[in-house]
PDB file of N, CA and C in Angstrom:
ATOM      1  N   MET A   1       3.254  14.610 -11.381  1.00  0.00           N
ATOM      2  CA  MET A   1       3.161  13.411 -11.663  1.00  0.00           C
ATOM      3  C   MET A   1       2.264  12.384 -10.786  1.00  0.00           C
ATOM      4  N   PRO A   2       1.590  11.139 -11.459  1.00  0.00           N
ATOM      5  CA  PRO A   2       1.327   9.878 -10.226  1.00  0.00           C
ATOM      6  C   PRO A   2       2.412   9.364  -9.914  1.00  0.00           C
ATOM      7  N   MET A   3       2.155   8.412  -8.665  1.00  0.00           N
ATOM      8  CA  MET A   3       2.996   7.336  -8.585  1.00  0.00           C
ATOM      9  C   MET A   3       2.440   6.071  -9.031  1.00  0.00           C
ATOM     10  N   SER A   4       3.074   5.581  -9.841  1.00  0.00           N
ATOM     11  CA  SER A   4       2.981   4.108 -10.564  1.00  0.00           C
ATOM     12  C   SER A   4       3.009   3.075  -9.214  1.00  0.00           C
ATOM     13  N   ALA A   5       2.419   2.384 -10.134  1.00  0.00           N
ATOM     14  CA  ALA A   5       1.767   0.649  -9.268  1.00  0.00           C
ATOM     15  C   ALA A   5       3.523   0.160  -8.837  1.00  0.00           C
ATOM     16  N   ASP A   6       4.573   0.338  -9.689  1.00  0.00           N
ATOM     17  CA  ASP A   6       6.098  -0.027  -9.255  1.00  0.00           C
ATOM     18  C   ASP A   6       6.369   0.687  -8.035  1.00  0.00           C
ATOM     19  N   GLU A   7       6.163   1.947  -8.081  1.00  0.00           N
ATOM     20  CA  GLU A   7       6.874   2.816  -7.232  1.00  0.00           C
ATOM     21  C   GLU A   7       6.006   2.701  -6.650  1.00  0.00           C
ATOM     22  N   ILE A   8       4.766   2.358  -5.877  1.00  0.00           N
ATOM     23  CA  ILE A   8       3.897   1.557  -4.851  1.00  0.00           C
ATOM     24  C   ILE A   8       4.511   1.080  -3.954  1.00  0.00           C
ATOM     25  N   THR A   9       4.360   0.097  -5.209  1.00  0.00           N
ATOM     26  CA  THR A   9       5.015  -1.375  -4.141  1.00  0.00           C
ATOM     27  C   THR A   9       6.189  -1.419  -4.037  1.00  0.00           C
ATOM     28  N   GLU A  10       7.162  -0.712  -4.684  1.00  0.00           N
ATOM     29  CA  GLU A  10       8.093  -0.834  -3.743  1.00  0.00           C
ATOM     30  C   GLU A  10       8.369   0.378  -2.514  1.00  0.00           C
ATOM     31  N   ALA A  11       8.234   0.682  -2.855  1.00  0.00           N
ATOM     32  CA  ALA A  11       7.547   2.111  -1.077  1.00  0.00           C
ATOM     33  C   ALA A  11       7.061   1.750  -0.168  1.00  0.00           C
ATOM     34  N   ILE A  12       6.488   0.008  -0.065  1.00  0.00           N
ATOM     35  CA  ILE A  12       5.724  -0.510   0.779  1.00  0.00           C
ATOM     36  C   ILE A  12       6.453  -1.845   1.083  1.00  0.00           C
ATOM     37  N   THR A  13       7.248  -1.897  -0.015  1.00  0.00           N
ATOM     38  CA  THR A  13       8.383  -3.854   0.027  1.00  0.00           C
ATOM     39  C   THR A  13       9.851  -2.959   0.997  1.00  0.00           C
ATOM     40  N   ALA A  14       9.635  -1.893   0.893  1.00  0.00           N
ATOM     41  CA  ALA A  14      11.233  -1.544   1.143  1.00  0.00           C
ATOM     42  C   ALA A  14      10.933  -0.762   2.798  1.00  0.00           C
ATOM     43  N   ALA A  15       9.271  -0.801   3.798  1.00  0.00           N
ATOM     44  CA  ALA A  15       9.248  -0.538   4.779  1.00  0.00           C
ATOM     45  C   ALA A  15       8.596  -1.896   5.291  1.00  0.00           C
ATOM     46  N   LEU A  16       7.775  -2.858   4.112  1.00  0.00           N
ATOM     47  CA  LEU A  16       7.639  -4.035   5.366  1.00  0.00           C
ATOM     48  C   LEU A  16       8.135  -5.554   4.853  1.00  0.00           C
ATOM     49  N   PRO A  17       9.945  -5.697   4.415  1.00  0.00           N
ATOM     50  CA  PRO A  17      10.289  -6.311   4.151  1.00  0.00           C
ATOM     51  C   PRO A  17       9.154  -7.476   4.095  1.00  0.00           C
ATOM     52  N   GLY A  18       9.271  -8.321   2.732  1.00  0.00           N
ATOM     53  CA  GLY A  18       8.606  -9.686   2.752  1.00  0.00           C
ATOM     54  C   GLY A  18       7.493  -9.650   2.818  1.00  0.00           C
ATOM     55  N   ALA A  19       6.560  -8.132   2.234  1.00  0.00           N
ATOM     56  CA  ALA A  19       5.571  -8.149   1.662  1.00  0.00           C
ATOM     57  C   ALA A  19       5.092  -8.184   0.788  1.00  0.00           C
ATOM     58  N   GLN A  20       3.316  -9.186   0.353  1.00  0.00           N
ATOM     59  CA  GLN A  20       3.423  -9.124  -1.093  1.00  0.00           C
ATOM     60  C   GLN A  20       2.085  -7.703  -1.404  1.00  0.00           C
ATOM     61  N   VAL A  21       2.522  -7.252  -2.590  1.00  0.00           N
ATOM     62  CA  VAL A  21       1.147  -6.087  -2.717  1.00  0.00           C
ATOM     63  C   VAL A  21       1.180  -6.343  -3.896  1.00  0.00           C
ATOM     64  N   GLU A  22      -0.486  -6.564  -4.045  1.00  0.00           N
ATOM     65  CA  GLU A  22      -0.996  -6.384  -5.278  1.00  0.00           C
ATOM     66  C   GLU A  22      -1.843  -5.318  -5.667  1.00  0.00           C
ATOM     67  N   MET A  23      -1.278  -4.799  -6.812  1.00  0.00           N
ATOM     68  CA  MET A  23      -1.836  -3.199  -7.365  1.00  0.00           C
ATOM     69  C   MET A  23      -3.190  -3.320  -8.775  1.00  0.00           C
ATOM     70  N   THR A  24      -4.238  -2.790  -8.375  1.00  0.00           N
ATOM     71  CA  THR A  24      -5.047  -2.781  -9.131  1.00  0.00           C
ATOM     72  C   THR A  24      -5.356  -1.328  -9.707  1.00  0.00           C
ATOM     73  N   ASP A  25      -5.371  -0.831 -10.696  1.00  0.00           N
ATOM     74  CA  ASP A  25      -5.387   0.161 -11.308  1.00  0.00           C
ATOM     75  C   ASP A  25      -6.917   0.507 -11.497  1.00  0.00           C
ATOM     76  N   LEU A  26      -7.790   1.513 -10.855  1.00  0.00           N
ATOM     77  CA  LEU A  26      -8.753   1.209 -10.400  1.00  0.00           C
ATOM     78  C   LEU A  26      -9.776   2.005 -11.615  1.00  0.00           C
ATOM     79  N   ALA A  27      -9.640   3.049 -12.357  1.00  0.00           N
ATOM     80  CA  ALA A  27      -9.799   4.403 -12.909  1.00  0.00           C
ATOM     81  C   ALA A  27      -8.716   4.248 -14.376  1.00  0.00           C
ATOM     82  N   GLY A  28      -8.024   3.036 -14.473  1.00  0.00           N
ATOM     83  CA  GLY A  28      -7.240   3.275 -16.127  1.00  0.00           C
ATOM     84  C   GLY A  28      -6.527   4.249 -16.628  1.00  0.00           C
ATOM     85  N   ASP A  29      -6.200   4.889 -15.151  1.00  0.00           N
ATOM     86  CA  ASP A  29      -5.642   6.463 -15.101  1.00  0.00           C
ATOM     87  C   ASP A  29      -4.095   6.570 -14.466  1.00  0.00           C
ATOM     88  N   ASN A  30      -3.730   5.367 -13.985  1.00  0.00           N
ATOM     89  CA  ASN A  30      -2.726   5.043 -12.937  1.00  0.00           C
ATOM     90  C   ASN A  30      -2.729   6.595 -11.968  1.00  0.00           C
ATOM     91  N   ASP A  31      -3.859   6.815 -11.194  1.00  0.00           N
ATOM     92  CA  ASP A  31      -3.805   7.903 -10.122  1.00  0.00           C
ATOM     93  C   ASP A  31      -5.368   6.948  -9.625  1.00  0.00           C
ATOM     94  N   HIS A  32      -5.823   6.150  -9.258  1.00  0.00           N
ATOM     95  CA  HIS A  32      -6.394   5.552  -8.667  1.00  0.00           C
ATOM     96  C   HIS A  32      -5.969   4.274  -8.830  1.00  0.00           C
ATOM     97  N   TRP A  33      -6.417   3.769  -7.605  1.00  0.00           N
ATOM     98  CA  TRP A  33      -5.635   2.317  -6.960  1.00  0.00           C
ATOM     99  C   TRP A  33      -6.014   1.832  -5.824  1.00  0.00           C
ATOM    100  N   ALA A  34      -6.201   0.679  -5.892  1.00  0.00           N
ATOM    101  CA  ALA A  34      -6.727  -0.491  -4.672  1.00  0.00           C
ATOM    102  C   ALA A  34      -5.113  -1.350  -4.800  1.00  0.00           C
ATOM    103  N   ALA A  35      -5.244  -1.069  -3.694  1.00  0.00           N
ATOM    104  CA  ALA A  35      -3.528  -2.482  -3.215  1.00  0.00           C
ATOM    105  C   ALA A  35      -4.316  -3.643  -2.275  1.00  0.00           C
ATOM    106  N   ARG A  36      -3.826  -4.528  -2.531  1.00  0.00           N
ATOM    107  CA  ARG A  36      -3.733  -5.741  -1.042  1.00  0.00           C
ATOM    108  C   ARG A  36      -2.483  -5.595  -0.981  1.00  0.00           C
ATOM    109  N   VAL A  37      -2.497  -5.637   0.460  1.00  0.00           N
ATOM    110  CA  VAL A  37      -0.856  -5.809   1.132  1.00  0.00           C
ATOM    111  C   VAL A  37      -1.307  -7.174   2.080  1.00  0.00           C
ATOM    112  N   THR A  38      -0.539  -8.033   1.489  1.00  0.00           N
ATOM    113  CA  THR A  38      -0.105  -8.698   3.055  1.00  0.00           C
ATOM    114  C   THR A  38       1.190  -8.953   3.215  1.00  0.00           C
ATOM    115  N   ALA A  39       1.411  -8.811   4.809  1.00  0.00           N
ATOM    116  CA  ALA A  39       2.769  -8.593   5.518  1.00  0.00           C
ATOM    117  C   ALA A  39       2.519  -9.476   6.576  1.00  0.00           C
ATOM    118  N   PRO A  40       4.268  -9.772   7.234  1.00  0.00           N
ATOM    119  CA  PRO A  40       3.828 -10.693   8.384  1.00  0.00           C
ATOM    120  C   PRO A  40       4.465  -9.625   9.570  1.00  0.00           C
ATOM    121  N   GLN A  41       4.422  -8.432   8.944  1.00  0.00           N
ATOM    122  CA  GLN A  41       4.433  -7.335  10.213  1.00  0.00           C
ATOM    123  C   GLN A  41       2.827  -6.850  10.594  1.00  0.00           C
ATOM    124  N   PHE A  42       2.436  -7.604   9.957  1.00  0.00           N
ATOM    125  CA  PHE A  42       0.365  -7.084  10.050  1.00  0.00           C
ATOM    126  C   PHE A  42       0.239  -7.975  11.082  1.00  0.00           C
ATOM    127  N   ALA A  43       0.838  -8.898  11.727  1.00  0.00           N
ATOM    128  CA  ALA A  43       0.330 -10.234  12.705  1.00  0.00           C
ATOM    129  C   ALA A  43      -0.010  -9.302  13.961  1.00  0.00           C
ATOM    130  N   GLY A  44      -0.912  -9.274  14.609  1.00  0.00           N
ATOM    131  CA  GLY A  44      -1.162  -8.824  16.236  1.00  0.00           C
ATOM    132  C   GLY A  44      -1.367  -7.390  16.064  1.00  0.00           C
ATOM    133  N   LYS A  45      -2.175  -6.461  14.572  1.00  0.00           N
ATOM    134  CA  LYS A  45      -1.917  -5.477  14.554  1.00  0.00           C
ATOM    135  C   LYS A  45      -3.928  -5.258  14.282  1.00  0.00           C
ATOM    136  N   ASN A  46      -4.036  -4.509  14.676  1.00  0.00           N
ATOM    137  CA  ASN A  46      -5.632  -4.509  14.258  1.00  0.00           C
ATOM    138  C   ASN A  46      -5.759  -3.761  12.877  1.00  0.00           C
ATOM    139  N   ARG A  47      -6.511  -3.852  12.015  1.00  0.00           N
ATOM    140  CA  ARG A  47      -6.385  -3.590  10.452  1.00  0.00           C
ATOM    141  C   ARG A  47      -6.297  -1.691  11.065  1.00  0.00           C
ATOM    142  N   VAL A  48      -6.490  -0.608  11.213  1.00  0.00           N
ATOM    143  CA  VAL A  48      -6.099   0.726  11.367  1.00  0.00           C
ATOM    144  C   VAL A  48      -4.457   0.829  11.809  1.00  0.00           C
ATOM    145  N   GLN A  49      -4.095  -0.097  12.752  1.00  0.00           N
ATOM    146  CA  GLN A  49      -3.065  -0.562  13.380  1.00  0.00           C
ATOM    147  C   GLN A  49      -2.346  -0.712  11.386  1.00  0.00           C
ATOM    148  N   GLN A  50      -3.065  -1.566  10.383  1.00  0.00           N
ATOM    149  CA  GLN A  50      -2.231  -2.254   9.891  1.00  0.00           C
ATOM    150  C   GLN A  50      -1.947  -0.640   8.437  1.00  0.00           C
ATOM    151  N   HIS A  51      -3.016  -0.429   8.486  1.00  0.00           N
ATOM    152  CA  HIS A  51      -3.256   0.400   7.580  1.00  0.00           C
ATOM    153  C   HIS A  51      -2.268   1.863   7.555  1.00  0.00           C
ATOM    154  N   LYS A  52      -1.943   1.786   9.304  1.00  0.00           N
ATOM    155  CA  LYS A  52      -1.232   3.331   9.502  1.00  0.00           C
ATOM    156  C   LYS A  52       0.059   2.955   8.914  1.00  0.00           C
ATOM    157  N   MET A  53       0.744   1.637   9.000  1.00  0.00           N
ATOM    158  CA  MET A  53       1.758   1.569   8.438  1.00  0.00           C
ATOM    159  C   MET A  53       2.208   1.301   6.803  1.00  0.00           C
ATOM    160  N   VAL A  54       1.434   0.787   6.331  1.00  0.00           N
ATOM    161  CA  VAL A  54       1.444   1.152   5.329  1.00  0.00           C
ATOM    162  C   VAL A  54       1.279   2.539   5.022  1.00  0.00           C
ATOM    163  N   TYR A  55       0.967   3.456   5.341  1.00  0.00           N
ATOM    164  CA  TYR A  55       0.441   4.607   4.727  1.00  0.00           C
ATOM    165  C   TYR A  55       1.823   5.735   5.630  1.00  0.00           C
ATOM    166  N   GLU A  56       2.259   4.681   6.500  1.00  0.00           N
ATOM    167  CA  GLU A  56       3.632   5.367   6.727  1.00  0.00           C
ATOM    168  C   GLU A  56       4.915   5.207   6.046  1.00  0.00           C
ATOM    169  N   ALA A  57       5.102   4.129   5.127  1.00  0.00           N
ATOM    170  CA  ALA A  57       5.655   3.355   4.766  1.00  0.00           C
ATOM    171  C   ALA A  57       5.373   4.268   2.960  1.00  0.00           C
ATOM    172  N   LEU A  58       4.216   4.694   2.748  1.00  0.00           N
ATOM    173  CA  LEU A  58       4.546   6.109   1.680  1.00  0.00           C
ATOM    174  C   LEU A  58       4.450   6.787   2.045  1.00  0.00           C
ATOM    175  N   GLY A  59       5.140   7.314   2.693  1.00  0.00           N
ATOM    176  CA  GLY A  59       5.826   8.712   3.269  1.00  0.00           C
ATOM    177  C   GLY A  59       4.909  10.076   2.987  1.00  0.00           C
ATOM    178  N   GLY A  60       4.283   9.686   3.250  1.00  0.00           N
ATOM    179  CA  GLY A  60       3.323  11.176   3.249  1.00  0.00           C
ATOM    180  C   GLY A  60       2.808  11.728   2.066  1.00  0.00           C
ATOM    181  N   ARG A  61       3.229  10.506   1.007  1.00  0.00           N
ATOM    182  CA  ARG A  61       1.942  10.890  -0.404  1.00  0.00           C
ATOM    183  C   ARG A  61       1.147  10.520  -0.233  1.00  0.00           C
ATOM    184  N   MET A  62       0.318   9.904   0.356  1.00  0.00           N
ATOM    185  CA  MET A  62      -1.057  10.082   0.064  1.00  0.00           C
ATOM    186  C   MET A  62      -1.489  11.576   0.042  1.00  0.00           C
ATOM    187  N   GLY A  63      -2.580  11.580  -1.011  1.00  0.00           N
ATOM    188  CA  GLY A  63      -2.996  13.217  -0.663  1.00  0.00           C
ATOM    189  C   GLY A  63      -2.492  14.147  -1.826  1.00  0.00           C
ATOM    190  N   GLY A  64      -0.906  13.386  -2.347  1.00  0.00           N
ATOM    191  CA  GLY A  64       0.122  14.490  -2.972  1.00  0.00           C
ATOM    192  C   GLY A  64      -0.254  13.948  -4.104  1.00  0.00           C
ATOM    193  N   VAL A  65       1.229  13.142  -4.480  1.00  0.00           N
ATOM    194  CA  VAL A  65       1.230  12.584  -5.931  1.00  0.00           C
ATOM    195  C   VAL A  65       0.859  11.106  -5.486  1.00  0.00           C
ATOM    196  N   LEU A  66       0.550  10.880  -4.900  1.00  0.00           N
ATOM    197  CA  LEU A  66      -1.267   9.015  -4.686  1.00  0.00           C
ATOM    198  C   LEU A  66      -1.891  10.170  -4.342  1.00  0.00           C
ATOM    199  N   HIS A  67      -2.793   9.861  -5.296  1.00  0.00           N
ATOM    200  CA  HIS A  67      -4.221  10.523  -5.225  1.00  0.00           C
ATOM    201  C   HIS A  67      -4.963   9.886  -4.193  1.00  0.00           C
ATOM    202  N   ALA A  68      -5.582   8.812  -4.824  1.00  0.00           N
ATOM    203  CA  ALA A  68      -6.470   7.395  -4.192  1.00  0.00           C
ATOM    204  C   ALA A  68      -5.546   5.872  -4.069  1.00  0.00           C
ATOM    205  N   LEU A  69      -6.366   5.617  -2.680  1.00  0.00           N
ATOM    206  CA  LEU A  69      -5.184   4.324  -2.475  1.00  0.00           C
ATOM    207  C   LEU A  69      -6.692   3.587  -1.774  1.00  0.00           C
ATOM    208  N   GLN A  70      -7.177   2.894  -2.126  1.00  0.00           N
ATOM    209  CA  GLN A  70      -8.096   1.900  -1.898  1.00  0.00           C
ATOM    210  C   GLN A  70      -7.281   0.328  -1.218  1.00  0.00           C
ATOM    211  N   LEU A  71      -6.819   0.213   0.005  1.00  0.00           N
ATOM    212  CA  LEU A  71      -6.131  -0.294   0.885  1.00  0.00           C
ATOM    213  C   LEU A  71      -6.856  -1.448   1.954  1.00  0.00           C
ATOM    214  N   THR A  72      -6.373  -2.995   0.933  1.00  0.00           N
ATOM    215  CA  THR A  72      -6.931  -3.556   1.699  1.00  0.00           C
ATOM    216  C   THR A  72      -5.943  -4.838   2.271  1.00  0.00           C
ATOM    217  N   THR A  73      -5.082  -5.320   3.940  1.00  0.00           N
ATOM    218  CA  THR A  73      -3.994  -5.662   4.162  1.00  0.00           C
ATOM    219  C   THR A  73      -4.427  -6.978   4.746  1.00  0.00           C
ATOM    220  N   ALA A  74      -3.717  -7.538   4.743  1.00  0.00           N
ATOM    221  CA  ALA A  74      -4.074  -9.172   5.379  1.00  0.00           C
ATOM    222  C   ALA A  74      -2.570  -9.926   6.271  1.00  0.00           C
ATOM    223  N   VAL A  75      -2.813 -10.543   7.075  1.00  0.00           N
ATOM    224  CA  VAL A  75      -1.552 -11.674   7.416  1.00  0.00           C
ATOM    225  C   VAL A  75      -1.898 -12.433   6.979  1.00  0.00           C
ATOM    226  N   PRO A  76      -0.348 -12.802   6.029  1.00  0.00           N
ATOM    227  CA  PRO A  76       0.157 -14.316   5.174  1.00  0.00           C
ATOM    228  C   PRO A  76      -0.732 -15.135   6.157  1.00  0.00           C
ATOM    229  N   LYS A  77      -0.912 -16.333   5.571  1.00  0.00           N
ATOM    230  CA  LYS A  77      -1.660 -17.633   6.187  1.00  0.00           C
ATOM    231  C   LYS A  77      -0.653 -18.625   6.494  1.00  0.00           C
TER     232      LYS A  77
END
């Protein structure tokens, strides 16, 4: 069963408190997502480090129950 937008958001915000997560269903199938994650924890980190933090928050579910995630990260202004 694919992960829902709410499940993805909950996993990310549990690991990155204060993060803002905006989810977009790219294919209308609840299986291909775009996520924009804005988190204070990203300050001072490069894009690769930021993405790694999000993937770690998802606990190894990428490629399994979470098939595709297009990720954009940012530091709050």
